[in-house]
Amino acid sequence: MKFNERIRALREDSDKRQIDIAQALNTTQRKISHLETGSSEPTLLDIEQYCRHFNKSADYILGYTDKPEPFPEN
């Protein structure tokens, strides 16, 4: 599963709208839409914010694994 598919699935599984995620990540609904459709590439900050918000590892968010390990806290 690719990044855009993974973040959309996470959002839908949590019964959130794009605007809800945008507000939580302090960004716009338009940016969330572009990330979910794959028309925009995520920045490192985007990836980190998704990891923290959903408490998932970067490997999971990026689609490298199907094991949803939690985001490691410092």
PDB file of N, CA and C in Angstrom:
ATOM      1  N   MET A   1       0.851  -1.172   0.000  1.00  0.00           N
ATOM      2  CA  MET A   1       0.000   0.000   0.000  1.00  0.00           C
ATOM      3  C   MET A   1       0.900   1.239   0.000  1.00  0.00           C
ATOM      4  N   LYS A   2       0.585   2.195  -0.832  1.00  0.00           N
ATOM      5  CA  LYS A   2       1.355   3.430  -0.930  1.00  0.00           C
ATOM      6  C   LYS A   2       0.945   4.418   0.163  1.00  0.00           C
ATOM      7  N   PHE A   3       1.788   5.445   0.342  1.00  0.00           N
ATOM      8  CA  PHE A   3       1.540   6.479   1.345  1.00  0.00           C
ATOM      9  C   PHE A   3       0.138   7.052   1.203  1.00  0.00           C
ATOM     10  N   ASN A   4      -0.227   7.461  -0.011  1.00  0.00           N
ATOM     11  CA  ASN A   4      -1.527   8.117  -0.191  1.00  0.00           C
ATOM     12  C   ASN A   4      -2.680   7.171   0.149  1.00  0.00           C
ATOM     13  N   GLU A   5      -2.544   5.906  -0.194  1.00  0.00           N
ATOM     14  CA  GLU A   5      -3.589   4.933   0.141  1.00  0.00           C
ATOM     15  C   GLU A   5      -3.658   4.697   1.645  1.00  0.00           C
ATOM     16  N   ARG A   6      -2.482   4.640   2.267  1.00  0.00           N
ATOM     17  CA  ARG A   6      -2.408   4.369   3.705  1.00  0.00           C
ATOM     18  C   ARG A   6      -3.040   5.505   4.506  1.00  0.00           C
ATOM     19  N   ILE A   7      -2.707   6.753   4.172  1.00  0.00           N
ATOM     20  CA  ILE A   7      -3.250   7.853   4.974  1.00  0.00           C
ATOM     21  C   ILE A   7      -4.754   8.002   4.767  1.00  0.00           C
ATOM     22  N   ARG A   8      -5.212   7.699   3.563  1.00  0.00           N
ATOM     23  CA  ARG A   8      -6.659   7.752   3.342  1.00  0.00           C
ATOM     24  C   ARG A   8      -7.355   6.659   4.154  1.00  0.00           C
ATOM     25  N   ALA A   9      -6.793   5.454   4.149  1.00  0.00           N
ATOM     26  CA  ALA A   9      -7.378   4.349   4.909  1.00  0.00           C
ATOM     27  C   ALA A   9      -7.380   4.661   6.407  1.00  0.00           C
ATOM     28  N   LEU A  10      -6.288   5.229   6.911  1.00  0.00           N
ATOM     29  CA  LEU A  10      -6.228   5.593   8.325  1.00  0.00           C
ATOM     30  C   LEU A  10      -7.298   6.620   8.668  1.00  0.00           C
ATOM     31  N   ARG A  11      -7.457   7.602   7.797  1.00  0.00           N
ATOM     32  CA  ARG A  11      -8.470   8.634   8.040  1.00  0.00           C
ATOM     33  C   ARG A  11      -9.865   8.028   8.025  1.00  0.00           C
ATOM     34  N   GLU A  12     -10.146   7.232   7.025  1.00  0.00           N
ATOM     35  CA  GLU A  12     -11.474   6.632   6.915  1.00  0.00           C
ATOM     36  C   GLU A  12     -11.760   5.670   8.065  1.00  0.00           C
ATOM     37  N   ASP A  13     -10.746   4.900   8.475  1.00  0.00           N
ATOM     38  CA  ASP A  13     -10.909   3.964   9.598  1.00  0.00           C
ATOM     39  C   ASP A  13     -11.211   4.693  10.905  1.00  0.00           C
ATOM     40  N   SER A  14     -10.734   5.925  10.998  1.00  0.00           N
ATOM     41  CA  SER A  14     -10.981   6.711  12.219  1.00  0.00           C
ATOM     42  C   SER A  14     -12.254   7.564  12.086  1.00  0.00           C
ATOM     43  N   ASP A  15     -13.000   7.368  11.001  1.00  0.00           N
ATOM     44  CA  ASP A  15     -14.249   8.105  10.754  1.00  0.00           C
ATOM     45  C   ASP A  15     -14.051   9.617  10.786  1.00  0.00           C
ATOM     46  N   LYS A  16     -12.955  10.071  10.192  1.00  0.00           N
ATOM     47  CA  LYS A  16     -12.651  11.503  10.117  1.00  0.00           C
ATOM     48  C   LYS A  16     -12.801  11.986   8.685  1.00  0.00           C
ATOM     49  N   ARG A  17     -13.112  13.255   8.562  1.00  0.00           N
ATOM     50  CA  ARG A  17     -13.149  13.922   7.257  1.00  0.00           C
ATOM     51  C   ARG A  17     -11.779  14.543   6.999  1.00  0.00           C
ATOM     52  N   GLN A  18     -11.524  14.887   5.759  1.00  0.00           N
ATOM     53  CA  GLN A  18     -10.249  15.525   5.434  1.00  0.00           C
ATOM     54  C   GLN A  18     -10.066  16.804   6.238  1.00  0.00           C
ATOM     55  N   ILE A  19     -11.120  17.560   6.427  1.00  0.00           N
ATOM     56  CA  ILE A  19     -11.019  18.814   7.175  1.00  0.00           C
ATOM     57  C   ILE A  19     -10.640  18.555   8.633  1.00  0.00           C
ATOM     58  N   ASP A  20     -11.106  17.439   9.200  1.00  0.00           N
ATOM     59  CA  ASP A  20     -10.753  17.093  10.575  1.00  0.00           C
ATOM     60  C   ASP A  20      -9.246  16.831  10.697  1.00  0.00           C
ATOM     61  N   ILE A  21      -8.711  16.091   9.740  1.00  0.00           N
ATOM     62  CA  ILE A  21      -7.274  15.802   9.746  1.00  0.00           C
ATOM     63  C   ILE A  21      -6.487  17.081   9.493  1.00  0.00           C
ATOM     64  N   ALA A  22      -6.953  17.900   8.570  1.00  0.00           N
ATOM     65  CA  ALA A  22      -6.277  19.164   8.274  1.00  0.00           C
ATOM     66  C   ALA A  22      -6.178  20.037   9.523  1.00  0.00           C
ATOM     67  N   GLN A  23      -7.254  20.121  10.281  1.00  0.00           N
ATOM     68  CA  GLN A  23      -7.238  20.928  11.504  1.00  0.00           C
ATOM     69  C   GLN A  23      -6.289  20.326  12.537  1.00  0.00           C
ATOM     70  N   ALA A  24      -6.286  19.023  12.664  1.00  0.00           N
ATOM     71  CA  ALA A  24      -5.404  18.362  13.630  1.00  0.00           C
ATOM     72  C   ALA A  24      -3.933  18.540  13.268  1.00  0.00           C
ATOM     73  N   LEU A  25      -3.643  18.588  11.965  1.00  0.00           N
ATOM     74  CA  LEU A  25      -2.259  18.723  11.508  1.00  0.00           C
ATOM     75  C   LEU A  25      -1.886  20.166  11.175  1.00  0.00           C
ATOM     76  N   ASN A  26      -2.807  21.076  11.443  1.00  0.00           N
ATOM     77  CA  ASN A  26      -2.570  22.501  11.211  1.00  0.00           C
ATOM     78  C   ASN A  26      -2.197  22.784   9.749  1.00  0.00           C
ATOM     79  N   THR A  27      -3.028  22.272   8.855  1.00  0.00           N
ATOM     80  CA  THR A  27      -2.825  22.491   7.428  1.00  0.00           C
ATOM     81  C   THR A  27      -4.190  22.692   6.780  1.00  0.00           C
ATOM     82  N   THR A  28      -4.248  22.597   5.472  1.00  0.00           N
ATOM     83  CA  THR A  28      -5.507  22.818   4.767  1.00  0.00           C
ATOM     84  C   THR A  28      -6.116  21.502   4.281  1.00  0.00           C
ATOM     85  N   GLN A  29      -7.416  21.526   4.081  1.00  0.00           N
ATOM     86  CA  GLN A  29      -8.109  20.361   3.536  1.00  0.00           C
ATOM     87  C   GLN A  29      -7.586  20.076   2.132  1.00  0.00           C
ATOM     88  N   ARG A  30      -7.273  21.106   1.397  1.00  0.00           N
ATOM     89  CA  ARG A  30      -6.762  20.943   0.040  1.00  0.00           C
ATOM     90  C   ARG A  30      -5.454  20.151   0.033  1.00  0.00           C
ATOM     91  N   LYS A  31      -4.562  20.453   0.980  1.00  0.00           N
ATOM     92  CA  LYS A  31      -3.294  19.723   1.052  1.00  0.00           C
ATOM     93  C   LYS A  31      -3.546  18.252   1.381  1.00  0.00           C
ATOM     94  N   ILE A  32      -4.456  17.983   2.310  1.00  0.00           N
ATOM     95  CA  ILE A  32      -4.793  16.603   2.666  1.00  0.00           C
ATOM     96  C   ILE A  32      -5.332  15.883   1.437  1.00  0.00           C
ATOM     97  N   SER A  33      -6.197  16.547   0.679  1.00  0.00           N
ATOM     98  CA  SER A  33      -6.752  15.964  -0.537  1.00  0.00           C
ATOM     99  C   SER A  33      -5.649  15.623  -1.537  1.00  0.00           C
ATOM    100  N   HIS A  34      -4.709  16.531  -1.729  1.00  0.00           N
ATOM    101  CA  HIS A  34      -3.617  16.308  -2.674  1.00  0.00           C
ATOM    102  C   HIS A  34      -2.732  15.153  -2.221  1.00  0.00           C
ATOM    103  N   LEU A  35      -2.488  15.060  -0.923  1.00  0.00           N
ATOM    104  CA  LEU A  35      -1.682  13.947  -0.413  1.00  0.00           C
ATOM    105  C   LEU A  35      -2.416  12.617  -0.602  1.00  0.00           C
ATOM    106  N   GLU A  36      -3.712  12.613  -0.360  1.00  0.00           N
ATOM    107  CA  GLU A  36      -4.488  11.374  -0.465  1.00  0.00           C
ATOM    108  C   GLU A  36      -4.672  10.912  -1.907  1.00  0.00           C
ATOM    109  N   THR A  37      -4.707  11.825  -2.842  1.00  0.00           N
ATOM    110  CA  THR A  37      -4.857  11.433  -4.246  1.00  0.00           C
ATOM    111  C   THR A  37      -3.513  11.135  -4.897  1.00  0.00           C
ATOM    112  N   GLY A  38      -2.437  11.481  -4.218  1.00  0.00           N
ATOM    113  CA  GLY A  38      -1.110  11.246  -4.769  1.00  0.00           C
ATOM    114  C   GLY A  38      -0.655  12.323  -5.721  1.00  0.00           C
ATOM    115  N   SER A  39      -1.402  13.409  -5.812  1.00  0.00           N
ATOM    116  CA  SER A  39      -1.007  14.500  -6.709  1.00  0.00           C
ATOM    117  C   SER A  39       0.052  15.391  -6.076  1.00  0.00           C
ATOM    118  N   SER A  40       0.347  15.162  -4.798  1.00  0.00           N
ATOM    119  CA  SER A  40       1.384  15.910  -4.085  1.00  0.00           C
ATOM    120  C   SER A  40       2.197  14.927  -3.261  1.00  0.00           C
ATOM    121  N   GLU A  41       3.504  15.129  -3.227  1.00  0.00           N
ATOM    122  CA  GLU A  41       4.398  14.280  -2.438  1.00  0.00           C
ATOM    123  C   GLU A  41       4.491  14.819  -1.014  1.00  0.00           C
ATOM    124  N   PRO A  42       4.539  13.936  -0.011  1.00  0.00           N
ATOM    125  CA  PRO A  42       4.632  14.402   1.373  1.00  0.00           C
ATOM    126  C   PRO A  42       6.029  14.905   1.711  1.00  0.00           C
ATOM    127  N   THR A  43       6.076  15.885   2.570  1.00  0.00           N
ATOM    128  CA  THR A  43       7.354  16.341   3.108  1.00  0.00           C
ATOM    129  C   THR A  43       7.686  15.474   4.324  1.00  0.00           C
ATOM    130  N   LEU A  44       8.896  15.603   4.825  1.00  0.00           N
ATOM    131  CA  LEU A  44       9.259  14.880   6.049  1.00  0.00           C
ATOM    132  C   LEU A  44       8.362  15.305   7.204  1.00  0.00           C
ATOM    133  N   LEU A  45       8.016  16.577   7.256  1.00  0.00           N
ATOM    134  CA  LEU A  45       7.125  17.065   8.309  1.00  0.00           C
ATOM    135  C   LEU A  45       5.745  16.424   8.190  1.00  0.00           C
ATOM    136  N   ASP A  46       5.241  16.295   6.973  1.00  0.00           N
ATOM    137  CA  ASP A  46       3.942  15.644   6.757  1.00  0.00           C
ATOM    138  C   ASP A  46       3.966  14.222   7.302  1.00  0.00           C
ATOM    139  N   ILE A  47       5.007  13.490   6.974  1.00  0.00           N
ATOM    140  CA  ILE A  47       5.123  12.101   7.419  1.00  0.00           C
ATOM    141  C   ILE A  47       5.180  12.027   8.940  1.00  0.00           C
ATOM    142  N   GLU A  48       5.998  12.887   9.536  1.00  0.00           N
ATOM    143  CA  GLU A  48       6.104  12.903  10.998  1.00  0.00           C
ATOM    144  C   GLU A  48       4.758  13.232  11.640  1.00  0.00           C
ATOM    145  N   GLN A  49       4.040  14.204  11.097  1.00  0.00           N
ATOM    146  CA  GLN A  49       2.746  14.578  11.665  1.00  0.00           C
ATOM    147  C   GLN A  49       1.742  13.431  11.580  1.00  0.00           C
ATOM    148  N   TYR A  50       1.716  12.725  10.464  1.00  0.00           N
ATOM    149  CA  TYR A  50       0.819  11.574  10.342  1.00  0.00           C
ATOM    150  C   TYR A  50       1.211  10.477  11.329  1.00  0.00           C
ATOM    151  N   CYS A  51       2.502  10.233  11.476  1.00  0.00           N
ATOM    152  CA  CYS A  51       2.964   9.224  12.435  1.00  0.00           C
ATOM    153  C   CYS A  51       2.512   9.572  13.846  1.00  0.00           C
ATOM    154  N   ARG A  52       2.708  10.797  14.235  1.00  0.00           N
ATOM    155  CA  ARG A  52       2.305  11.227  15.583  1.00  0.00           C
ATOM    156  C   ARG A  52       0.783  11.201  15.749  1.00  0.00           C
ATOM    157  N   HIS A  53       0.072  11.706  14.768  1.00  0.00           N
ATOM    158  CA  HIS A  53      -1.387  11.796  14.874  1.00  0.00           C
ATOM    159  C   HIS A  53      -2.027  10.412  14.996  1.00  0.00           C
ATOM    160  N   PHE A  54      -1.579   9.477  14.169  1.00  0.00           N
ATOM    161  CA  PHE A  54      -2.178   8.143  14.174  1.00  0.00           C
ATOM    162  C   PHE A  54      -1.409   7.141  15.043  1.00  0.00           C
ATOM    163  N   ASN A  55      -0.306   7.588  15.654  1.00  0.00           N
ATOM    164  CA  ASN A  55       0.545   6.740  16.494  1.00  0.00           C
ATOM    165  C   ASN A  55       0.984   5.479  15.746  1.00  0.00           C
ATOM    166  N   LYS A  56       1.535   5.701  14.549  1.00  0.00           N
ATOM    167  CA  LYS A  56       2.031   4.619  13.698  1.00  0.00           C
ATOM    168  C   LYS A  56       3.469   4.922  13.300  1.00  0.00           C
ATOM    169  N   SER A  57       4.220   3.878  12.982  1.00  0.00           N
ATOM    170  CA  SER A  57       5.605   4.068  12.553  1.00  0.00           C
ATOM    171  C   SER A  57       5.648   4.655  11.141  1.00  0.00           C
ATOM    172  N   ALA A  58       6.771   5.261  10.811  1.00  0.00           N
ATOM    173  CA  ALA A  58       6.955   5.817   9.468  1.00  0.00           C
ATOM    174  C   ALA A  58       6.933   4.697   8.428  1.00  0.00           C
ATOM    175  N   ASP A  59       7.498   3.540   8.767  1.00  0.00           N
ATOM    176  CA  ASP A  59       7.469   2.410   7.831  1.00  0.00           C
ATOM    177  C   ASP A  59       6.034   2.025   7.490  1.00  0.00           C
ATOM    178  N   TYR A  60       5.161   2.057   8.474  1.00  0.00           N
ATOM    179  CA  TYR A  60       3.753   1.730   8.230  1.00  0.00           C
ATOM    180  C   TYR A  60       3.082   2.820   7.395  1.00  0.00           C
ATOM    181  N   ILE A  61       3.278   4.068   7.788  1.00  0.00           N
ATOM    182  CA  ILE A  61       2.671   5.194   7.068  1.00  0.00           C
ATOM    183  C   ILE A  61       3.129   5.207   5.603  1.00  0.00           C
ATOM    184  N   LEU A  62       4.398   4.894   5.372  1.00  0.00           N
ATOM    185  CA  LEU A  62       4.939   4.919   4.016  1.00  0.00           C
ATOM    186  C   LEU A  62       4.620   3.655   3.221  1.00  0.00           C
ATOM    187  N   GLY A  63       4.044   2.662   3.872  1.00  0.00           N
ATOM    188  CA  GLY A  63       3.650   1.453   3.175  1.00  0.00           C
ATOM    189  C   GLY A  63       4.730   0.408   3.037  1.00  0.00           C
ATOM    190  N   TYR A  64       5.807   0.528   3.829  1.00  0.00           N
ATOM    191  CA  TYR A  64       6.891  -0.453   3.763  1.00  0.00           C
ATOM    192  C   TYR A  64       6.577  -1.722   4.548  1.00  0.00           C
ATOM    193  N   THR A  65       5.635  -1.627   5.471  1.00  0.00           N
ATOM    194  CA  THR A  65       5.231  -2.773   6.265  1.00  0.00           C
ATOM    195  C   THR A  65       3.736  -2.691   6.542  1.00  0.00           C
ATOM    196  N   ASP A  66       3.171  -3.828   6.859  1.00  0.00           N
ATOM    197  CA  ASP A  66       1.759  -3.853   7.231  1.00  0.00           C
ATOM    198  C   ASP A  66       1.597  -3.972   8.739  1.00  0.00           C
ATOM    199  N   LYS A  67       2.715  -3.906   9.466  1.00  0.00           N
ATOM    200  CA  LYS A  67       2.671  -3.964  10.924  1.00  0.00           C
ATOM    201  C   LYS A  67       2.554  -2.530  11.464  1.00  0.00           C
ATOM    202  N   PRO A  68       1.410  -2.186  12.037  1.00  0.00           N
ATOM    203  CA  PRO A  68       1.190  -0.807  12.501  1.00  0.00           C
ATOM    204  C   PRO A  68       1.825  -0.517  13.852  1.00  0.00           C
ATOM    205  N   GLU A  69       3.142  -0.611  13.906  1.00  0.00           N
ATOM    206  CA  GLU A  69       3.861  -0.341  15.146  1.00  0.00           C
ATOM    207  C   GLU A  69       3.642   1.117  15.547  1.00  0.00           C
ATOM    208  N   PRO A  70       3.591   1.367  16.849  1.00  0.00           N
ATOM    209  CA  PRO A  70       3.393   2.749  17.277  1.00  0.00           C
ATOM    210  C   PRO A  70       4.593   3.638  16.965  1.00  0.00           C
ATOM    211  N   PHE A  71       4.322   4.915  16.882  1.00  0.00           N
ATOM    212  CA  PHE A  71       5.366   5.910  16.665  1.00  0.00           C
ATOM    213  C   PHE A  71       6.245   5.963  17.907  1.00  0.00           C
ATOM    214  N   PRO A  72       7.563   5.818  17.753  1.00  0.00           N
ATOM    215  CA  PRO A  72       8.431   5.835  18.942  1.00  0.00           C
ATOM    216  C   PRO A  72       8.561   7.232  19.526  1.00  0.00           C
ATOM    217  N   GLU A  73       8.305   7.339  20.795  1.00  0.00           N
ATOM    218  CA  GLU A  73       8.444   8.624  21.479  1.00  0.00           C
ATOM    219  C   GLU A  73       9.867   8.769  22.014  1.00  0.00           C
ATOM    220  N   ASN A  74      10.362   9.977  22.027  1.00  0.00           N
ATOM    221  CA  ASN A  74      11.722  10.239  22.554  1.00  0.00           C
ATOM    222  C   ASN A  74      11.712  10.292  24.048  1.00  0.00           C
TER     223      ASN A  74
END
